[in-house]
Amino acid sequence: MSPGVTRRQTFAPDAAEIERLADQAIARLPETFRRHLDGVVLRVEEFAEDDVLAELGMEDPFELTGLYSGRPIGERSSMHSGELPAMIHLYRRPLLDEWAETGVALEDLVTHVIVHEAGHHFGFSDEEMHAIEAEAEAG
């Protein structure tokens, strides 16, 4: 590559890149929210599985960009030791589709999905989640 020429991204971000963006998004979240994510597993998949879409009454897999599965922190206990850990699922293809359609920065979109998927399970209001996102964007 010659000097002064910048490298262009010609491929859509892969799962590893989405995960990296998600890790960075979590690191920017305020501590009061981030502590709710302790022990929550982040998983990047191409699309939600068909049974998940059916359970949510969705037919179009592009409608679901993310999902929180598992018990909220306040409901966890050692009595549920056989259960899978709580997870935030990020669905790569729907995220990329929304990114392309809206022009919203992919980092902001990933942050939004993480905050809203976890926030609803922890009882945060929409106003509180918008404030958390704004704080993460400023940080």
N, C-alpha and C. Protein backbone atom coordinates (compact mmCIF):
# COMPACT_ATOMS: atom_id res chain seq x y z
N MET A 1 0.86 -1.17 0.00
CA MET A 1 0.00 0.00 0.00
C MET A 1 0.91 1.23 0.00
N SER A 2 0.60 2.17 -0.84
CA SER A 2 1.45 3.36 -0.94
C SER A 2 1.14 4.34 0.18
N PRO A 3 2.12 5.19 0.52
CA PRO A 3 1.92 6.15 1.61
C PRO A 3 0.74 7.07 1.32
N GLY A 4 0.01 7.39 2.37
CA GLY A 4 -1.11 8.32 2.25
C GLY A 4 -2.40 7.65 1.81
N VAL A 5 -2.35 6.37 1.43
CA VAL A 5 -3.56 5.66 1.02
C VAL A 5 -4.09 4.92 2.24
N THR A 6 -5.34 5.15 2.53
CA THR A 6 -5.93 4.47 3.69
C THR A 6 -6.56 3.17 3.24
N ARG A 7 -6.57 2.23 4.12
CA ARG A 7 -7.16 0.93 3.85
C ARG A 7 -8.67 1.04 4.03
N ARG A 8 -9.42 0.52 3.08
CA ARG A 8 -10.88 0.59 3.13
C ARG A 8 -11.46 -0.75 3.56
N GLN A 9 -12.50 -0.67 4.33
CA GLN A 9 -13.19 -1.90 4.73
C GLN A 9 -14.14 -2.27 3.60
N THR A 10 -13.97 -3.45 3.04
CA THR A 10 -14.79 -3.87 1.92
C THR A 10 -15.74 -5.00 2.28
N PHE A 11 -15.62 -5.54 3.48
CA PHE A 11 -16.49 -6.62 3.92
C PHE A 11 -17.26 -6.19 5.16
N ALA A 12 -18.46 -6.75 5.31
CA ALA A 12 -19.24 -6.49 6.51
C ALA A 12 -18.50 -7.05 7.72
N PRO A 13 -18.60 -6.39 8.86
CA PRO A 13 -17.94 -6.89 10.07
C PRO A 13 -18.39 -8.31 10.39
N ASP A 14 -17.43 -9.16 10.76
CA ASP A 14 -17.76 -10.54 11.11
C ASP A 14 -18.17 -10.62 12.59
N ALA A 15 -18.48 -11.82 13.04
CA ALA A 15 -18.93 -12.02 14.42
C ALA A 15 -17.90 -11.54 15.42
N ALA A 16 -16.61 -11.79 15.14
CA ALA A 16 -15.56 -11.37 16.07
C ALA A 16 -15.51 -9.85 16.19
N GLU A 17 -15.73 -9.14 15.10
CA GLU A 17 -15.74 -7.68 15.14
C GLU A 17 -16.96 -7.16 15.90
N ILE A 18 -18.11 -7.78 15.70
CA ILE A 18 -19.31 -7.39 16.45
C ILE A 18 -19.07 -7.62 17.95
N GLU A 19 -18.44 -8.73 18.28
CA GLU A 19 -18.14 -9.01 19.69
C GLU A 19 -17.18 -7.97 20.26
N ARG A 20 -16.19 -7.58 19.48
CA ARG A 20 -15.24 -6.55 19.92
C ARG A 20 -15.98 -5.23 20.16
N LEU A 21 -16.88 -4.86 19.26
CA LEU A 21 -17.67 -3.64 19.44
C LEU A 21 -18.54 -3.73 20.70
N ALA A 22 -19.10 -4.91 20.93
CA ALA A 22 -19.94 -5.12 22.11
C ALA A 22 -19.12 -5.00 23.39
N ASP A 23 -17.93 -5.59 23.40
CA ASP A 23 -17.07 -5.48 24.59
C ASP A 23 -16.70 -4.03 24.86
N GLN A 24 -16.41 -3.28 23.80
CA GLN A 24 -16.10 -1.85 23.96
C GLN A 24 -17.32 -1.09 24.46
N ALA A 25 -18.49 -1.43 23.95
CA ALA A 25 -19.73 -0.77 24.38
C ALA A 25 -19.96 -1.01 25.87
N ILE A 26 -19.79 -2.24 26.31
CA ILE A 26 -19.98 -2.58 27.72
C ILE A 26 -19.00 -1.81 28.59
N ALA A 27 -17.76 -1.71 28.14
CA ALA A 27 -16.74 -0.98 28.91
C ALA A 27 -17.09 0.50 29.06
N ARG A 28 -17.83 1.06 28.11
CA ARG A 28 -18.22 2.48 28.18
C ARG A 28 -19.47 2.72 29.01
N LEU A 29 -20.19 1.67 29.35
CA LEU A 29 -21.43 1.84 30.12
C LEU A 29 -21.12 2.29 31.55
N PRO A 30 -22.02 3.06 32.14
CA PRO A 30 -21.81 3.47 33.52
C PRO A 30 -21.75 2.25 34.45
N GLU A 31 -20.94 2.35 35.47
CA GLU A 31 -20.75 1.25 36.42
C GLU A 31 -22.07 0.77 37.01
N THR A 32 -23.00 1.69 37.26
CA THR A 32 -24.29 1.31 37.85
C THR A 32 -25.06 0.35 36.96
N PHE A 33 -24.85 0.42 35.66
CA PHE A 33 -25.50 -0.50 34.74
C PHE A 33 -24.61 -1.72 34.47
N ARG A 34 -23.33 -1.48 34.31
CA ARG A 34 -22.39 -2.54 33.96
C ARG A 34 -22.37 -3.66 35.00
N ARG A 35 -22.55 -3.32 36.26
CA ARG A 35 -22.51 -4.37 37.29
C ARG A 35 -23.66 -5.37 37.12
N HIS A 36 -24.75 -4.96 36.46
CA HIS A 36 -25.84 -5.89 36.18
C HIS A 36 -25.43 -6.94 35.15
N LEU A 37 -24.37 -6.67 34.42
CA LEU A 37 -23.92 -7.58 33.37
C LEU A 37 -22.87 -8.58 33.83
N ASP A 38 -22.47 -8.49 35.12
CA ASP A 38 -21.50 -9.45 35.65
C ASP A 38 -22.03 -10.87 35.48
N GLY A 39 -21.25 -11.71 34.87
CA GLY A 39 -21.64 -13.10 34.67
C GLY A 39 -22.55 -13.34 33.48
N VAL A 40 -22.97 -12.28 32.79
CA VAL A 40 -23.81 -12.45 31.60
C VAL A 40 -22.89 -12.73 30.42
N VAL A 41 -23.20 -13.77 29.68
CA VAL A 41 -22.41 -14.18 28.53
C VAL A 41 -22.89 -13.43 27.29
N LEU A 42 -21.95 -12.93 26.52
CA LEU A 42 -22.27 -12.26 25.27
C LEU A 42 -22.07 -13.25 24.13
N ARG A 43 -23.06 -13.36 23.28
CA ARG A 43 -22.98 -14.33 22.18
C ARG A 43 -23.43 -13.67 20.89
N VAL A 44 -22.60 -13.76 19.85
CA VAL A 44 -22.94 -13.21 18.54
C VAL A 44 -23.28 -14.37 17.62
N GLU A 45 -24.47 -14.28 17.03
CA GLU A 45 -24.95 -15.32 16.12
C GLU A 45 -25.43 -14.63 14.84
N GLU A 46 -25.53 -15.37 13.76
CA GLU A 46 -26.00 -14.78 12.50
C GLU A 46 -27.45 -14.32 12.61
N PHE A 47 -28.33 -15.20 13.08
CA PHE A 47 -29.76 -14.92 13.25
C PHE A 47 -30.24 -15.65 14.50
N ALA A 48 -31.40 -15.23 15.00
CA ALA A 48 -32.06 -15.98 16.08
C ALA A 48 -32.54 -17.31 15.50
N GLU A 49 -32.57 -18.32 16.34
CA GLU A 49 -33.05 -19.63 15.92
C GLU A 49 -34.55 -19.57 15.66
N ASP A 50 -35.03 -20.47 14.82
CA ASP A 50 -36.45 -20.47 14.43
C ASP A 50 -37.38 -20.60 15.63
N ASP A 51 -37.01 -21.44 16.62
CA ASP A 51 -37.89 -21.61 17.78
C ASP A 51 -37.97 -20.34 18.61
N VAL A 52 -36.89 -19.57 18.66
CA VAL A 52 -36.90 -18.28 19.38
C VAL A 52 -37.83 -17.31 18.66
N LEU A 53 -37.71 -17.23 17.36
CA LEU A 53 -38.58 -16.34 16.58
C LEU A 53 -40.05 -16.74 16.76
N ALA A 54 -40.32 -18.06 16.71
CA ALA A 54 -41.70 -18.54 16.88
C ALA A 54 -42.24 -18.18 18.26
N GLU A 55 -41.41 -18.35 19.28
CA GLU A 55 -41.83 -18.04 20.66
C GLU A 55 -42.18 -16.55 20.81
N LEU A 56 -41.46 -15.71 20.06
CA LEU A 56 -41.70 -14.26 20.11
C LEU A 56 -42.75 -13.81 19.11
N GLY A 57 -43.30 -14.74 18.33
CA GLY A 57 -44.32 -14.40 17.35
C GLY A 57 -43.77 -13.62 16.16
N MET A 58 -42.52 -13.86 15.82
CA MET A 58 -41.88 -13.16 14.71
C MET A 58 -41.65 -14.13 13.56
N GLU A 59 -41.91 -13.66 12.35
CA GLU A 59 -41.65 -14.49 11.18
C GLU A 59 -40.37 -14.08 10.47
N ASP A 60 -40.06 -12.80 10.49
CA ASP A 60 -38.90 -12.28 9.77
C ASP A 60 -37.69 -12.25 10.70
N PRO A 61 -36.65 -13.05 10.42
CA PRO A 61 -35.49 -13.08 11.31
C PRO A 61 -34.72 -11.75 11.34
N PHE A 62 -34.95 -10.87 10.37
CA PHE A 62 -34.28 -9.57 10.37
C PHE A 62 -34.90 -8.59 11.37
N GLU A 63 -36.04 -8.95 11.96
CA GLU A 63 -36.70 -8.07 12.94
C GLU A 63 -36.04 -8.11 14.30
N LEU A 64 -35.26 -9.14 14.59
CA LEU A 64 -34.69 -9.31 15.93
C LEU A 64 -33.18 -9.10 15.89
N THR A 65 -32.72 -8.00 16.49
CA THR A 65 -31.29 -7.67 16.51
C THR A 65 -30.59 -8.19 17.75
N GLY A 66 -31.35 -8.46 18.80
CA GLY A 66 -30.75 -8.95 20.03
C GLY A 66 -31.78 -9.50 20.98
N LEU A 67 -31.31 -10.25 21.97
CA LEU A 67 -32.21 -10.86 22.94
C LEU A 67 -31.45 -11.18 24.22
N TYR A 68 -32.07 -10.93 25.35
CA TYR A 68 -31.53 -11.35 26.65
C TYR A 68 -32.23 -12.63 27.01
N SER A 69 -31.47 -13.65 27.39
CA SER A 69 -32.09 -14.89 27.86
C SER A 69 -31.48 -15.24 29.21
N GLY A 70 -32.32 -15.73 30.08
CA GLY A 70 -31.85 -16.12 31.41
C GLY A 70 -32.58 -15.35 32.48
N ARG A 71 -32.24 -15.68 33.69
CA ARG A 71 -32.86 -15.01 34.84
C ARG A 71 -32.18 -13.67 35.11
N PRO A 72 -32.96 -12.66 35.44
CA PRO A 72 -32.34 -11.41 35.88
C PRO A 72 -31.51 -11.67 37.14
N ILE A 73 -30.53 -10.82 37.38
CA ILE A 73 -29.60 -11.02 38.50
C ILE A 73 -30.32 -11.22 39.82
N GLY A 74 -31.35 -10.46 40.10
CA GLY A 74 -32.06 -10.57 41.37
C GLY A 74 -32.75 -11.90 41.57
N GLU A 75 -32.95 -12.66 40.49
CA GLU A 75 -33.62 -13.95 40.58
C GLU A 75 -32.66 -15.12 40.52
N ARG A 76 -31.37 -14.87 40.40
CA ARG A 76 -30.40 -15.96 40.33
C ARG A 76 -30.11 -16.49 41.71
N SER A 77 -29.87 -17.79 41.77
CA SER A 77 -29.46 -18.40 43.03
C SER A 77 -28.79 -19.73 42.73
N SER A 78 -28.16 -20.30 43.74
CA SER A 78 -27.51 -21.59 43.56
C SER A 78 -28.54 -22.70 43.38
N MET A 79 -29.79 -22.43 43.69
CA MET A 79 -30.86 -23.42 43.52
C MET A 79 -31.10 -23.71 42.04
N HIS A 80 -30.65 -22.81 41.16
CA HIS A 80 -30.85 -22.95 39.72
C HIS A 80 -29.55 -23.33 39.04
N SER A 81 -28.73 -24.15 39.69
CA SER A 81 -27.38 -24.42 39.21
C SER A 81 -27.33 -25.16 37.88
N GLY A 82 -28.39 -25.84 37.48
CA GLY A 82 -28.37 -26.57 36.21
C GLY A 82 -28.72 -25.71 35.01
N GLU A 83 -29.08 -24.47 35.23
CA GLU A 83 -29.51 -23.60 34.14
C GLU A 83 -28.32 -23.03 33.39
N LEU A 84 -28.57 -22.69 32.14
CA LEU A 84 -27.55 -21.98 31.36
C LEU A 84 -27.35 -20.60 31.95
N PRO A 85 -26.18 -20.01 31.76
CA PRO A 85 -25.97 -18.65 32.27
C PRO A 85 -26.84 -17.66 31.50
N ALA A 86 -27.07 -16.51 32.11
CA ALA A 86 -27.78 -15.44 31.41
C ALA A 86 -26.93 -15.03 30.21
N MET A 87 -27.61 -14.72 29.10
CA MET A 87 -26.90 -14.36 27.88
C MET A 87 -27.54 -13.17 27.20
N ILE A 88 -26.70 -12.39 26.55
CA ILE A 88 -27.18 -11.39 25.60
C ILE A 88 -26.77 -11.91 24.23
N HIS A 89 -27.77 -12.16 23.41
CA HIS A 89 -27.53 -12.62 22.05
C HIS A 89 -27.58 -11.40 21.14
N LEU A 90 -26.56 -11.23 20.32
CA LEU A 90 -26.56 -10.20 19.30
C LEU A 90 -26.64 -10.92 17.96
N TYR A 91 -27.58 -10.52 17.13
CA TYR A 91 -27.79 -11.18 15.85
C TYR A 91 -27.16 -10.34 14.74
N ARG A 92 -26.05 -10.84 14.23
CA ARG A 92 -25.19 -10.10 13.32
C ARG A 92 -25.89 -9.60 12.06
N ARG A 93 -26.55 -10.47 11.34
CA ARG A 93 -27.15 -10.06 10.07
C ARG A 93 -28.25 -9.01 10.26
N PRO A 94 -29.17 -9.18 11.22
CA PRO A 94 -30.15 -8.11 11.44
C PRO A 94 -29.50 -6.79 11.89
N LEU A 95 -28.44 -6.88 12.71
CA LEU A 95 -27.72 -5.67 13.12
C LEU A 95 -27.13 -4.96 11.90
N LEU A 96 -26.50 -5.72 11.03
CA LEU A 96 -25.89 -5.13 9.84
C LEU A 96 -26.96 -4.55 8.91
N ASP A 97 -28.10 -5.21 8.82
CA ASP A 97 -29.19 -4.72 7.99
C ASP A 97 -29.71 -3.39 8.53
N GLU A 98 -29.93 -3.31 9.85
CA GLU A 98 -30.40 -2.06 10.45
C GLU A 98 -29.34 -0.97 10.30
N TRP A 99 -28.09 -1.32 10.46
CA TRP A 99 -26.98 -0.37 10.29
C TRP A 99 -27.01 0.23 8.89
N ALA A 100 -27.17 -0.64 7.88
CA ALA A 100 -27.18 -0.17 6.49
C ALA A 100 -28.42 0.68 6.20
N GLU A 101 -29.56 0.32 6.78
CA GLU A 101 -30.81 1.04 6.52
C GLU A 101 -30.88 2.39 7.22
N THR A 102 -30.34 2.46 8.43
CA THR A 102 -30.52 3.67 9.25
C THR A 102 -29.35 4.64 9.18
N GLY A 103 -28.16 4.14 8.89
CA GLY A 103 -26.99 5.00 8.91
C GLY A 103 -26.48 5.30 10.32
N VAL A 104 -27.10 4.69 11.34
CA VAL A 104 -26.63 4.84 12.72
C VAL A 104 -25.29 4.13 12.83
N ALA A 105 -24.34 4.71 13.54
CA ALA A 105 -23.03 4.07 13.73
C ALA A 105 -23.23 2.68 14.33
N LEU A 106 -22.51 1.71 13.81
CA LEU A 106 -22.65 0.33 14.28
C LEU A 106 -22.34 0.24 15.78
N GLU A 107 -21.37 1.00 16.26
CA GLU A 107 -21.05 1.00 17.70
C GLU A 107 -22.25 1.45 18.52
N ASP A 108 -22.94 2.48 18.05
CA ASP A 108 -24.12 2.99 18.76
C ASP A 108 -25.26 1.99 18.72
N LEU A 109 -25.43 1.34 17.59
CA LEU A 109 -26.49 0.35 17.46
C LEU A 109 -26.24 -0.84 18.38
N VAL A 110 -25.02 -1.32 18.45
CA VAL A 110 -24.67 -2.43 19.34
C VAL A 110 -24.89 -2.02 20.80
N THR A 111 -24.47 -0.82 21.15
CA THR A 111 -24.69 -0.32 22.52
C THR A 111 -26.18 -0.28 22.83
N HIS A 112 -26.98 0.24 21.91
CA HIS A 112 -28.43 0.34 22.10
C HIS A 112 -29.04 -1.04 22.36
N VAL A 113 -28.66 -2.02 21.57
CA VAL A 113 -29.24 -3.36 21.73
C VAL A 113 -28.85 -3.95 23.09
N ILE A 114 -27.59 -3.82 23.47
CA ILE A 114 -27.14 -4.36 24.76
C ILE A 114 -27.90 -3.70 25.91
N VAL A 115 -27.97 -2.38 25.89
CA VAL A 115 -28.64 -1.65 26.97
C VAL A 115 -30.11 -2.03 27.05
N HIS A 116 -30.79 -2.09 25.92
CA HIS A 116 -32.22 -2.37 25.95
C HIS A 116 -32.54 -3.82 26.25
N GLU A 117 -31.76 -4.74 25.75
CA GLU A 117 -32.03 -6.15 26.04
C GLU A 117 -31.81 -6.44 27.53
N ALA A 118 -30.72 -5.98 28.08
CA ALA A 118 -30.47 -6.21 29.51
C ALA A 118 -31.34 -5.31 30.37
N GLY A 119 -31.49 -4.07 29.96
CA GLY A 119 -32.24 -3.10 30.76
C GLY A 119 -33.67 -3.51 31.05
N HIS A 120 -34.37 -4.06 30.07
CA HIS A 120 -35.75 -4.49 30.29
C HIS A 120 -35.80 -5.60 31.34
N HIS A 121 -34.83 -6.47 31.36
CA HIS A 121 -34.82 -7.56 32.34
C HIS A 121 -34.48 -7.08 33.74
N PHE A 122 -33.78 -5.97 33.83
CA PHE A 122 -33.40 -5.45 35.14
C PHE A 122 -34.35 -4.37 35.63
N GLY A 123 -35.41 -4.12 34.87
CA GLY A 123 -36.44 -3.18 35.32
C GLY A 123 -36.14 -1.72 35.07
N PHE A 124 -35.21 -1.41 34.18
CA PHE A 124 -34.92 -0.02 33.85
C PHE A 124 -36.01 0.52 32.94
N SER A 125 -36.38 1.77 33.15
CA SER A 125 -37.36 2.42 32.28
C SER A 125 -36.69 2.83 30.97
N ASP A 126 -37.49 3.14 29.97
CA ASP A 126 -36.93 3.60 28.69
C ASP A 126 -36.13 4.88 28.90
N GLU A 127 -36.60 5.76 29.77
CA GLU A 127 -35.87 7.01 30.03
C GLU A 127 -34.51 6.73 30.66
N GLU A 128 -34.48 5.79 31.61
CA GLU A 128 -33.21 5.43 32.24
C GLU A 128 -32.24 4.82 31.21
N MET A 129 -32.77 3.99 30.32
CA MET A 129 -31.91 3.36 29.32
C MET A 129 -31.38 4.38 28.32
N HIS A 130 -32.20 5.35 27.95
CA HIS A 130 -31.72 6.41 27.04
C HIS A 130 -30.61 7.22 27.72
N ALA A 131 -30.75 7.48 29.00
CA ALA A 131 -29.71 8.21 29.73
C ALA A 131 -28.42 7.39 29.81
N ILE A 132 -28.55 6.08 30.01
CA ILE A 132 -27.38 5.21 30.06
C ILE A 132 -26.65 5.22 28.70
N GLU A 133 -27.42 5.13 27.63
CA GLU A 133 -26.83 5.18 26.29
C GLU A 133 -26.12 6.51 26.05
N ALA A 134 -26.76 7.60 26.45
CA ALA A 134 -26.14 8.93 26.27
C ALA A 134 -24.85 9.03 27.05
N GLU A 135 -24.82 8.49 28.26
CA GLU A 135 -23.61 8.51 29.07
C GLU A 135 -22.50 7.67 28.42
N ALA A 136 -22.87 6.52 27.85
CA ALA A 136 -21.90 5.67 27.19
C ALA A 136 -21.32 6.35 25.94
N GLU A 137 -22.16 7.07 25.19
CA GLU A 137 -21.70 7.77 24.00
C GLU A 137 -20.75 8.92 24.35
N ALA A 138 -21.01 9.54 25.50
CA ALA A 138 -20.16 10.66 25.94
C ALA A 138 -18.81 10.16 26.45
N GLY A 139 -18.80 8.91 26.94
CA GLY A 139 -17.59 8.36 27.56
C GLY A 139 -16.68 7.74 26.63
